[in-house]
Amino acid sequence: MSDISAIIERIKESIVITRSANNKSGSGFYVNDRGLVITNKHTVELNSFVRLTYHNGKETDATIVLADNDVDFAFAVIGGVKTEPLTLQNSDTVKEGQQVYAIGHPYGYDFTVSKGIISCKNRVVKGINYIQTDVPINPGNSGGPLINEQGEVIGINTWVVGDADNMSFAIPSNTVKGVIEMLNSKFDKLLSMYYCPVCGFLQSDLIRTNAGEYCKNCGTLKVEKKKEQELPQQQAAQAQTVNVSLVTCPQCRTANDSASNFCKNCGCKIK
């Protein structure tokens, strides 16, 4: 039998707190040994940069390099560091009733561990496959790992049913494995490529016209990345630049940008 307490203590070093420009927090973890972090798209919103806090209290800034608005994942990179990644298990092998754990930062209570079971291993919601659990998930858990008793990641915690009692959903690890392989193959170029904060697309070239440069995927005007300005005041500046409309969360009534599928405040699915 594995010593889950020892395993959790060890893997905490690979888990981070994420904080965006409006000081909203979430969770994330390393998926390669060169500084690649995964989290949820709704935790980074329209930011190009995110601040990470480690278990030892150290902080650093990371650059967002890719995101998916529908599945709700995002990747960030810290350049020039060595990191210890978590192991991604084959999520197809999970079983209903299997005991699992979530590690994250609910309501600012950093590195909180919660426990539950897999309620449904293949729950399809609006065309997207999730692992459904009864693990308590709260604001701040978003983007953190769902692990098995060996400390292997089987999912990325992402949203809950707000009116229910512990109906939580995680992106299966197999959903992101191919994306991680693609990012690893381009890793040396990632920080020089353009990430569109609206649609999450990563690109080497943009559409160029006399009026400016535009994202190849969604056509949004290129957003200039200025970390020293964006981290403290990025949200308002970018929202004005890209003219993103707002939608209201049906659960907590928080205003979210129209590119989001999940509420930035409570994690509820909003469309």
C-alpha atoms as a PDB file:
ATOM      1  CA  MET A   1       0.000   0.000   0.000  1.00  0.00           C
ATOM      2  CA  SER A   2       1.344   3.436  -0.932  1.00  0.00           C
ATOM      3  CA  ASP A   3       1.978   6.078   1.720  1.00  0.00           C
ATOM      4  CA  ILE A   4      -0.250   8.789   0.292  1.00  0.00           C
ATOM      5  CA  SER A   5       0.889  11.365   2.864  1.00  0.00           C
ATOM      6  CA  ALA A   6       4.511  10.979   1.807  1.00  0.00           C
ATOM      7  CA  ILE A   7       3.543  11.044  -1.862  1.00  0.00           C
ATOM      8  CA  ILE A   8       1.534  14.244  -1.469  1.00  0.00           C
ATOM      9  CA  GLU A   9       4.340  15.906   0.464  1.00  0.00           C
ATOM     10  CA  ARG A  10       6.750  15.061  -2.341  1.00  0.00           C
ATOM     11  CA  ILE A  11       4.609  16.225  -5.257  1.00  0.00           C
ATOM     12  CA  LYS A  12       3.674  19.534  -3.625  1.00  0.00           C
ATOM     13  CA  GLU A  13       6.992  20.853  -4.938  1.00  0.00           C
ATOM     14  CA  SER A  14       5.636  20.455  -8.485  1.00  0.00           C
ATOM     15  CA  ILE A  15       2.350  22.274  -7.787  1.00  0.00           C
ATOM     16  CA  VAL A  16       1.962  26.051  -7.970  1.00  0.00           C
ATOM     17  CA  ILE A  17      -0.494  28.776  -7.071  1.00  0.00           C
ATOM     18  CA  THR A  18      -1.451  30.889 -10.090  1.00  0.00           C
ATOM     19  CA  ARG A  19      -2.405  34.549  -9.758  1.00  0.00           C
ATOM     20  CA  SER A  20      -3.528  36.807 -12.586  1.00  0.00           C
ATOM     21  CA  ALA A  21      -3.591  40.575 -12.889  1.00  0.00           C
ATOM     22  CA  ASN A  22      -6.865  40.971 -10.979  1.00  0.00           C
ATOM     23  CA  ASN A  23      -5.409  38.823  -8.154  1.00  0.00           C
ATOM     24  CA  LYS A  24      -7.710  35.885  -8.919  1.00  0.00           C
ATOM     25  CA  SER A  25      -5.978  32.683  -7.871  1.00  0.00           C
ATOM     26  CA  GLY A  26      -5.982  29.157  -9.190  1.00  0.00           C
ATOM     27  CA  SER A  27      -3.754  26.104  -9.257  1.00  0.00           C
ATOM     28  CA  GLY A  28      -1.337  24.501 -11.677  1.00  0.00           C
ATOM     29  CA  PHE A  29       1.464  21.981 -11.929  1.00  0.00           C
ATOM     30  CA  TYR A  30       4.571  21.191 -13.964  1.00  0.00           C
ATOM     31  CA  VAL A  31       4.282  18.755 -16.872  1.00  0.00           C
ATOM     32  CA  ASN A  32       7.871  18.788 -18.112  1.00  0.00           C
ATOM     33  CA  ASP A  33      11.312  19.363 -16.606  1.00  0.00           C
ATOM     34  CA  ARG A  34      11.909  22.687 -18.396  1.00  0.00           C
ATOM     35  CA  GLY A  35       9.279  24.869 -16.784  1.00  0.00           C
ATOM     36  CA  LEU A  36       6.019  24.003 -18.588  1.00  0.00           C
ATOM     37  CA  VAL A  37       2.966  24.482 -16.344  1.00  0.00           C
ATOM     38  CA  ILE A  38      -0.648  23.514 -16.978  1.00  0.00           C
ATOM     39  CA  THR A  39      -3.655  25.277 -15.441  1.00  0.00           C
ATOM     40  CA  ASN A  40      -7.198  26.230 -16.514  1.00  0.00           C
ATOM     41  CA  LYS A  41      -7.897  28.881 -19.145  1.00  0.00           C
ATOM     42  CA  HIS A  42     -10.495  30.522 -16.909  1.00  0.00           C
ATOM     43  CA  THR A  43      -7.855  31.135 -14.241  1.00  0.00           C
ATOM     44  CA  VAL A  44      -5.620  33.157 -16.587  1.00  0.00           C
ATOM     45  CA  GLU A  45      -8.484  34.863 -18.452  1.00  0.00           C
ATOM     46  CA  LEU A  46      -7.117  37.350 -21.032  1.00  0.00           C
ATOM     47  CA  ASN A  47      -3.678  37.589 -19.476  1.00  0.00           C
ATOM     48  CA  SER A  48      -0.437  36.962 -21.319  1.00  0.00           C
ATOM     49  CA  PHE A  49       1.448  36.462 -18.062  1.00  0.00           C
ATOM     50  CA  VAL A  50       0.667  34.805 -14.744  1.00  0.00           C
ATOM     51  CA  ARG A  51       2.413  34.891 -11.389  1.00  0.00           C
ATOM     52  CA  LEU A  52       3.311  31.536  -9.821  1.00  0.00           C
ATOM     53  CA  THR A  53       3.919  30.821  -6.149  1.00  0.00           C
ATOM     54  CA  TYR A  54       5.726  27.666  -5.037  1.00  0.00           C
ATOM     55  CA  HIS A  55       5.273  25.567  -1.923  1.00  0.00           C
ATOM     56  CA  ASN A  56       8.309  27.281  -0.348  1.00  0.00           C
ATOM     57  CA  GLY A  57       6.780  30.736  -0.899  1.00  0.00           C
ATOM     58  CA  LYS A  58       9.049  31.726  -3.780  1.00  0.00           C
ATOM     59  CA  GLU A  59       7.366  33.586  -6.637  1.00  0.00           C
ATOM     60  CA  THR A  60       8.097  33.882 -10.343  1.00  0.00           C
ATOM     61  CA  ASP A  61       6.329  35.092 -13.482  1.00  0.00           C
ATOM     62  CA  ALA A  62       5.415  32.797 -16.364  1.00  0.00           C
ATOM     63  CA  THR A  63       4.348  33.460 -19.946  1.00  0.00           C
ATOM     64  CA  ILE A  64       1.122  31.940 -21.271  1.00  0.00           C
ATOM     65  CA  VAL A  65       1.844  30.056 -24.507  1.00  0.00           C
ATOM     66  CA  LEU A  66      -1.310  28.109 -25.395  1.00  0.00           C
ATOM     67  CA  ALA A  67      -4.907  27.733 -24.242  1.00  0.00           C
ATOM     68  CA  ASP A  68      -8.168  26.033 -25.153  1.00  0.00           C
ATOM     69  CA  ASN A  69     -11.362  27.934 -24.344  1.00  0.00           C
ATOM     70  CA  ASP A  70     -13.657  24.942 -24.835  1.00  0.00           C
ATOM     71  CA  VAL A  71     -11.802  22.272 -22.875  1.00  0.00           C
ATOM     72  CA  ASP A  72     -10.519  24.968 -20.472  1.00  0.00           C
ATOM     73  CA  PHE A  73      -6.799  24.328 -20.201  1.00  0.00           C
ATOM     74  CA  ALA A  74      -3.839  26.689 -20.551  1.00  0.00           C
ATOM     75  CA  PHE A  75      -0.061  26.293 -20.554  1.00  0.00           C
ATOM     76  CA  ALA A  76       2.570  28.694 -19.238  1.00  0.00           C
ATOM     77  CA  VAL A  77       6.365  28.617 -19.457  1.00  0.00           C
ATOM     78  CA  ILE A  78       9.142  29.765 -17.165  1.00  0.00           C
ATOM     79  CA  GLY A  79      12.285  30.063 -19.228  1.00  0.00           C
ATOM     80  CA  GLY A  80      15.652  28.617 -18.237  1.00  0.00           C
ATOM     81  CA  VAL A  81      14.666  26.550 -15.198  1.00  0.00           C
ATOM     82  CA  LYS A  82      14.751  22.883 -14.246  1.00  0.00           C
ATOM     83  CA  THR A  83      11.526  21.572 -12.767  1.00  0.00           C
ATOM     84  CA  GLU A  84      10.259  18.240 -11.471  1.00  0.00           C
ATOM     85  CA  PRO A  85       7.118  17.332 -13.443  1.00  0.00           C
ATOM     86  CA  LEU A  86       4.216  15.267 -12.207  1.00  0.00           C
ATOM     87  CA  THR A  87       3.602  11.962 -13.986  1.00  0.00           C
ATOM     88  CA  LEU A  88       0.514  11.800 -16.184  1.00  0.00           C
ATOM     89  CA  GLN A  89      -1.183   8.419 -15.935  1.00  0.00           C
ATOM     90  CA  ASN A  90      -3.320   6.832 -18.655  1.00  0.00           C
ATOM     91  CA  SER A  91      -6.742   8.239 -17.723  1.00  0.00           C
ATOM     92  CA  ASP A  92      -8.487   5.497 -19.720  1.00  0.00           C
ATOM     93  CA  THR A  93      -7.499   3.009 -17.010  1.00  0.00           C
ATOM     94  CA  VAL A  94      -9.344   4.742 -14.140  1.00  0.00           C
ATOM     95  CA  LYS A  95     -12.264   2.949 -12.526  1.00  0.00           C
ATOM     96  CA  GLU A  96     -15.466   4.194 -10.974  1.00  0.00           C
ATOM     97  CA  GLY A  97     -15.216   4.012  -7.200  1.00  0.00           C
ATOM     98  CA  GLN A  98     -11.442   4.495  -7.319  1.00  0.00           C
ATOM     99  CA  GLN A  99     -10.114   6.796  -4.601  1.00  0.00           C
ATOM    100  CA  VAL A 100      -8.591  10.050  -5.848  1.00  0.00           C
ATOM    101  CA  TYR A 101      -7.189  13.270  -4.394  1.00  0.00           C
ATOM    102  CA  ALA A 102      -7.187  16.916  -5.444  1.00  0.00           C
ATOM    103  CA  ILE A 103      -4.472  19.365  -4.430  1.00  0.00           C
ATOM    104  CA  GLY A 104      -5.039  23.073  -4.840  1.00  0.00           C
ATOM    105  CA  HIS A 105      -5.634  26.415  -3.182  1.00  0.00           C
ATOM    106  CA  PRO A 106      -9.366  26.784  -2.408  1.00  0.00           C
ATOM    107  CA  TYR A 107     -10.325  30.248  -1.146  1.00  0.00           C
ATOM    108  CA  GLY A 108      -6.645  31.056  -0.641  1.00  0.00           C
ATOM    109  CA  TYR A 109      -5.962  28.109   1.693  1.00  0.00           C
ATOM    110  CA  ASP A 110      -2.791  27.095  -0.099  1.00  0.00           C
ATOM    111  CA  PHE A 111      -1.888  23.460  -0.835  1.00  0.00           C
ATOM    112  CA  THR A 112      -5.112  21.969   0.485  1.00  0.00           C
ATOM    113  CA  VAL A 113      -5.699  18.251  -0.097  1.00  0.00           C
ATOM    114  CA  SER A 114      -9.220  16.852  -0.579  1.00  0.00           C
ATOM    115  CA  LYS A 115     -10.303  13.262  -1.161  1.00  0.00           C
ATOM    116  CA  GLY A 116     -13.101  11.441  -2.946  1.00  0.00           C
ATOM    117  CA  ILE A 117     -13.893   8.808  -5.536  1.00  0.00           C
ATOM    118  CA  ILE A 118     -14.450   8.694  -9.266  1.00  0.00           C
ATOM    119  CA  SER A 119     -18.196   8.915  -9.789  1.00  0.00           C
ATOM    120  CA  CYS A 120     -18.163   8.491 -13.571  1.00  0.00           C
ATOM    121  CA  LYS A 121     -15.032   7.939 -15.643  1.00  0.00           C
ATOM    122  CA  ASN A 122     -16.511   9.137 -18.941  1.00  0.00           C
ATOM    123  CA  ARG A 123     -18.962  11.986 -18.430  1.00  0.00           C
ATOM    124  CA  VAL A 124     -19.669  13.911 -21.634  1.00  0.00           C
ATOM    125  CA  VAL A 125     -20.916  17.488 -21.133  1.00  0.00           C
ATOM    126  CA  LYS A 126     -21.627  19.593 -24.230  1.00  0.00           C
ATOM    127  CA  GLY A 127     -19.447  17.342 -26.347  1.00  0.00           C
ATOM    128  CA  ILE A 128     -16.441  17.362 -24.009  1.00  0.00           C
ATOM    129  CA  ASN A 129     -15.347  14.321 -22.007  1.00  0.00           C
ATOM    130  CA  TYR A 130     -14.626  14.709 -18.274  1.00  0.00           C
ATOM    131  CA  ILE A 131     -13.884  12.550 -15.250  1.00  0.00           C
ATOM    132  CA  GLN A 132     -16.659  13.154 -12.720  1.00  0.00           C
ATOM    133  CA  THR A 133     -15.767  12.861  -9.014  1.00  0.00           C
ATOM    134  CA  ASP A 134     -17.220  13.687  -5.613  1.00  0.00           C
ATOM    135  CA  VAL A 135     -13.985  15.388  -4.520  1.00  0.00           C
ATOM    136  CA  PRO A 136     -14.719  18.779  -2.879  1.00  0.00           C
ATOM    137  CA  ILE A 137     -13.580  21.433  -5.378  1.00  0.00           C
ATOM    138  CA  ASN A 138     -13.806  25.157  -4.617  1.00  0.00           C
ATOM    139  CA  PRO A 139     -12.637  28.437  -6.185  1.00  0.00           C
ATOM    140  CA  GLY A 140      -8.835  28.258  -6.239  1.00  0.00           C
ATOM    141  CA  ASN A 141      -8.713  24.513  -6.990  1.00  0.00           C
ATOM    142  CA  SER A 142      -9.132  25.160 -10.711  1.00  0.00           C
ATOM    143  CA  GLY A 143      -6.187  23.906 -12.742  1.00  0.00           C
ATOM    144  CA  GLY A 144      -4.783  21.687  -9.995  1.00  0.00           C
ATOM    145  CA  PRO A 145      -4.073  17.973 -10.324  1.00  0.00           C
ATOM    146  CA  LEU A 146      -6.457  15.114  -9.655  1.00  0.00           C
ATOM    147  CA  ILE A 147      -4.178  12.251  -8.611  1.00  0.00           C
ATOM    148  CA  ASN A 148      -4.462   8.547  -7.842  1.00  0.00           C
ATOM    149  CA  GLU A 149      -3.016   6.816  -4.793  1.00  0.00           C
ATOM    150  CA  GLN A 150       0.378   6.543  -6.509  1.00  0.00           C
ATOM    151  CA  GLY A 151       0.577  10.317  -6.961  1.00  0.00           C
ATOM    152  CA  GLU A 152       0.035  10.123 -10.732  1.00  0.00           C
ATOM    153  CA  VAL A 153      -2.124  12.715 -12.447  1.00  0.00           C
ATOM    154  CA  ILE A 154      -5.319  11.364 -13.976  1.00  0.00           C
ATOM    155  CA  GLY A 155      -7.001  14.731 -14.516  1.00  0.00           C
ATOM    156  CA  ILE A 156      -6.953  18.509 -14.233  1.00  0.00           C
ATOM    157  CA  ASN A 157      -9.704  19.877 -11.971  1.00  0.00           C
ATOM    158  CA  THR A 158     -11.809  22.390 -13.834  1.00  0.00           C
ATOM    159  CA  TRP A 159     -15.479  22.959 -12.865  1.00  0.00           C
ATOM    160  CA  VAL A 160     -18.316  21.970 -10.555  1.00  0.00           C
ATOM    161  CA  VAL A 161     -22.109  21.896 -10.515  1.00  0.00           C
ATOM    162  CA  GLY A 162     -22.741  24.834  -8.215  1.00  0.00           C
ATOM    163  CA  ASP A 163     -26.056  23.725  -6.691  1.00  0.00           C
ATOM    164  CA  ALA A 164     -24.975  20.114  -6.179  1.00  0.00           C
ATOM    165  CA  ASP A 165     -23.147  18.390  -3.350  1.00  0.00           C
ATOM    166  CA  ASN A 166     -19.648  17.651  -4.644  1.00  0.00           C
ATOM    167  CA  MET A 167     -20.259  17.061  -8.336  1.00  0.00           C
ATOM    168  CA  SER A 168     -16.802  17.944  -9.671  1.00  0.00           C
ATOM    169  CA  PHE A 169     -15.260  17.522 -13.096  1.00  0.00           C
ATOM    170  CA  ALA A 170     -11.689  17.070 -14.311  1.00  0.00           C
ATOM    171  CA  ILE A 171     -10.132  17.118 -17.767  1.00  0.00           C
ATOM    172  CA  PRO A 172      -8.729  13.597 -18.362  1.00  0.00           C
ATOM    173  CA  SER A 173      -4.942  13.491 -18.538  1.00  0.00           C
ATOM    174  CA  ASN A 174      -5.100  11.774 -21.939  1.00  0.00           C
ATOM    175  CA  THR A 175      -6.863  14.850 -23.360  1.00  0.00           C
ATOM    176  CA  VAL A 176      -3.762  16.997 -22.869  1.00  0.00           C
ATOM    177  CA  LYS A 177      -0.974  14.465 -23.494  1.00  0.00           C
ATOM    178  CA  GLY A 178      -0.853  15.147 -27.228  1.00  0.00           C
ATOM    179  CA  VAL A 179      -0.769  18.902 -26.623  1.00  0.00           C
ATOM    180  CA  ILE A 180       2.119  18.488 -24.183  1.00  0.00           C
ATOM    181  CA  GLU A 181       4.028  16.431 -26.750  1.00  0.00           C
ATOM    182  CA  MET A 182       3.488  19.168 -29.357  1.00  0.00           C
ATOM    183  CA  LEU A 183       4.671  21.887 -26.957  1.00  0.00           C
ATOM    184  CA  ASN A 184       7.718  19.824 -26.006  1.00  0.00           C
ATOM    185  CA  SER A 185       8.633  19.453 -29.682  1.00  0.00           C
ATOM    186  CA  LYS A 186       8.533  23.265 -30.112  1.00  0.00           C
ATOM    187  CA  PHE A 187       9.750  24.161 -26.654  1.00  0.00           C
ATOM    188  CA  ASP A 188      12.791  26.214 -27.666  1.00  0.00           C
ATOM    189  CA  LYS A 189      10.572  28.426 -29.869  1.00  0.00           C
ATOM    190  CA  LEU A 190       7.547  28.855 -27.582  1.00  0.00           C
ATOM    191  CA  LEU A 191       8.546  32.166 -26.009  1.00  0.00           C
ATOM    192  CA  SER A 192       9.225  33.715 -29.415  1.00  0.00           C
ATOM    193  CA  MET A 193       5.855  32.648 -30.877  1.00  0.00           C
ATOM    194  CA  TYR A 194       2.664  34.699 -30.512  1.00  0.00           C
ATOM    195  CA  TYR A 195      -0.049  33.590 -28.094  1.00  0.00           C
ATOM    196  CA  CYS A 196      -3.479  35.112 -28.680  1.00  0.00           C
ATOM    197  CA  PRO A 197      -5.056  35.709 -25.251  1.00  0.00           C
ATOM    198  CA  VAL A 198      -8.580  35.771 -26.706  1.00  0.00           C
ATOM    199  CA  CYS A 199      -8.731  32.423 -28.521  1.00  0.00           C
ATOM    200  CA  GLY A 200      -5.640  30.793 -26.992  1.00  0.00           C
ATOM    201  CA  PHE A 201      -3.976  30.073 -30.358  1.00  0.00           C
ATOM    202  CA  LEU A 202      -0.183  29.724 -30.667  1.00  0.00           C
ATOM    203  CA  GLN A 203       1.311  30.923 -33.935  1.00  0.00           C
ATOM    204  CA  SER A 204       4.597  31.769 -35.598  1.00  0.00           C
ATOM    205  CA  ASP A 205       3.132  34.320 -38.025  1.00  0.00           C
ATOM    206  CA  LEU A 206       0.185  36.696 -37.890  1.00  0.00           C
ATOM    207  CA  ILE A 207      -2.080  38.182 -40.563  1.00  0.00           C
ATOM    208  CA  ARG A 208      -0.407  41.454 -41.538  1.00  0.00           C
ATOM    209  CA  THR A 209      -2.265  44.404 -43.064  1.00  0.00           C
ATOM    210  CA  ASN A 210      -1.681  48.152 -43.273  1.00  0.00           C
ATOM    211  CA  ALA A 211      -3.917  48.546 -40.227  1.00  0.00           C
ATOM    212  CA  GLY A 212      -1.960  46.129 -38.024  1.00  0.00           C
ATOM    213  CA  GLU A 213      -1.311  42.470 -37.188  1.00  0.00           C
ATOM    214  CA  TYR A 214      -4.089  40.027 -36.406  1.00  0.00           C
ATOM    215  CA  CYS A 215      -4.444  36.522 -34.967  1.00  0.00           C
ATOM    216  CA  LYS A 216      -4.633  33.891 -37.701  1.00  0.00           C
ATOM    217  CA  ASN A 217      -7.243  31.936 -35.778  1.00  0.00           C
ATOM    218  CA  CYS A 218      -9.767  34.523 -34.505  1.00  0.00           C
ATOM    219  CA  GLY A 219      -8.759  37.737 -36.271  1.00  0.00           C
ATOM    220  CA  THR A 220      -8.210  39.718 -33.062  1.00  0.00           C
ATOM    221  CA  LEU A 221      -5.757  42.615 -33.233  1.00  0.00           C
ATOM    222  CA  LYS A 222      -2.381  41.628 -31.797  1.00  0.00           C
ATOM    223  CA  VAL A 223      -2.020  42.442 -28.105  1.00  0.00           C
ATOM    224  CA  GLU A 224       1.397  43.799 -27.177  1.00  0.00           C
ATOM    225  CA  LYS A 225       2.921  41.900 -24.274  1.00  0.00           C
ATOM    226  CA  LYS A 226       4.504  44.173 -21.676  1.00  0.00           C
ATOM    227  CA  LYS A 227       4.995  42.199 -18.512  1.00  0.00           C
ATOM    228  CA  GLU A 228       5.953  45.127 -16.320  1.00  0.00           C
ATOM    229  CA  GLN A 229       2.629  46.771 -17.202  1.00  0.00           C
ATOM    230  CA  GLU A 230       0.405  43.736 -17.701  1.00  0.00           C
ATOM    231  CA  LEU A 231       0.840  42.001 -14.376  1.00  0.00           C
ATOM    232  CA  PRO A 232      -0.507  44.844 -12.196  1.00  0.00           C
ATOM    233  CA  GLN A 233      -3.069  46.325 -14.609  1.00  0.00           C
ATOM    234  CA  GLN A 234      -3.464  43.991 -17.517  1.00  0.00           C
ATOM    235  CA  GLN A 235      -7.126  43.045 -17.302  1.00  0.00           C
ATOM    236  CA  ALA A 236      -8.672  46.431 -18.020  1.00  0.00           C
ATOM    237  CA  ALA A 237      -6.109  47.323 -20.679  1.00  0.00           C
ATOM    238  CA  GLN A 238      -6.509  44.116 -22.647  1.00  0.00           C
ATOM    239  CA  ALA A 239     -10.288  44.032 -22.426  1.00  0.00           C
ATOM    240  CA  GLN A 240     -10.352  47.495 -23.998  1.00  0.00           C
ATOM    241  CA  THR A 241      -7.826  46.572 -26.676  1.00  0.00           C
ATOM    242  CA  VAL A 242      -9.630  43.459 -27.920  1.00  0.00           C
ATOM    243  CA  ASN A 243     -13.174  44.694 -27.196  1.00  0.00           C
ATOM    244  CA  VAL A 244     -14.294  41.474 -25.532  1.00  0.00           C
ATOM    245  CA  SER A 245     -17.938  41.322 -24.451  1.00  0.00           C
ATOM    246  CA  LEU A 246     -19.009  40.029 -21.038  1.00  0.00           C
ATOM    247  CA  VAL A 247     -21.329  37.214 -20.006  1.00  0.00           C
ATOM    248  CA  THR A 248     -22.800  36.731 -16.540  1.00  0.00           C
ATOM    249  CA  CYS A 249     -22.324  33.499 -14.577  1.00  0.00           C
ATOM    250  CA  PRO A 250     -25.760  31.929 -13.883  1.00  0.00           C
ATOM    251  CA  GLN A 251     -24.530  30.698 -10.501  1.00  0.00           C
ATOM    252  CA  CYS A 252     -22.725  33.619  -8.795  1.00  0.00           C
ATOM    253  CA  ARG A 253     -23.541  36.448 -11.269  1.00  0.00           C
ATOM    254  CA  THR A 254     -19.870  37.335 -11.826  1.00  0.00           C
ATOM    255  CA  ALA A 255     -19.088  39.008 -15.179  1.00  0.00           C
ATOM    256  CA  ASN A 256     -16.799  36.883 -17.394  1.00  0.00           C
ATOM    257  CA  ASP A 257     -15.273  37.547 -20.790  1.00  0.00           C
ATOM    258  CA  SER A 258     -17.161  35.990 -23.685  1.00  0.00           C
ATOM    259  CA  ALA A 259     -14.251  33.693 -24.577  1.00  0.00           C
ATOM    260  CA  SER A 260     -14.669  31.757 -21.311  1.00  0.00           C
ATOM    261  CA  ASN A 261     -16.710  28.602 -20.838  1.00  0.00           C
ATOM    262  CA  PHE A 262     -16.258  28.587 -17.058  1.00  0.00           C
ATOM    263  CA  CYS A 263     -16.767  31.258 -14.401  1.00  0.00           C
ATOM    264  CA  LYS A 264     -13.541  32.848 -13.172  1.00  0.00           C
ATOM    265  CA  ASN A 265     -15.039  33.182  -9.671  1.00  0.00           C
ATOM    266  CA  CYS A 266     -16.866  29.920  -8.896  1.00  0.00           C
ATOM    267  CA  GLY A 267     -15.808  27.604 -11.764  1.00  0.00           C
ATOM    268  CA  CYS A 268     -19.419  27.021 -12.875  1.00  0.00           C
ATOM    269  CA  LYS A 269     -19.910  26.205 -16.560  1.00  0.00           C
ATOM    270  CA  ILE A 270     -21.450  29.260 -18.182  1.00  0.00           C
ATOM    271  CA  LYS A 271     -22.100  28.089 -21.729  1.00  0.00           C
END
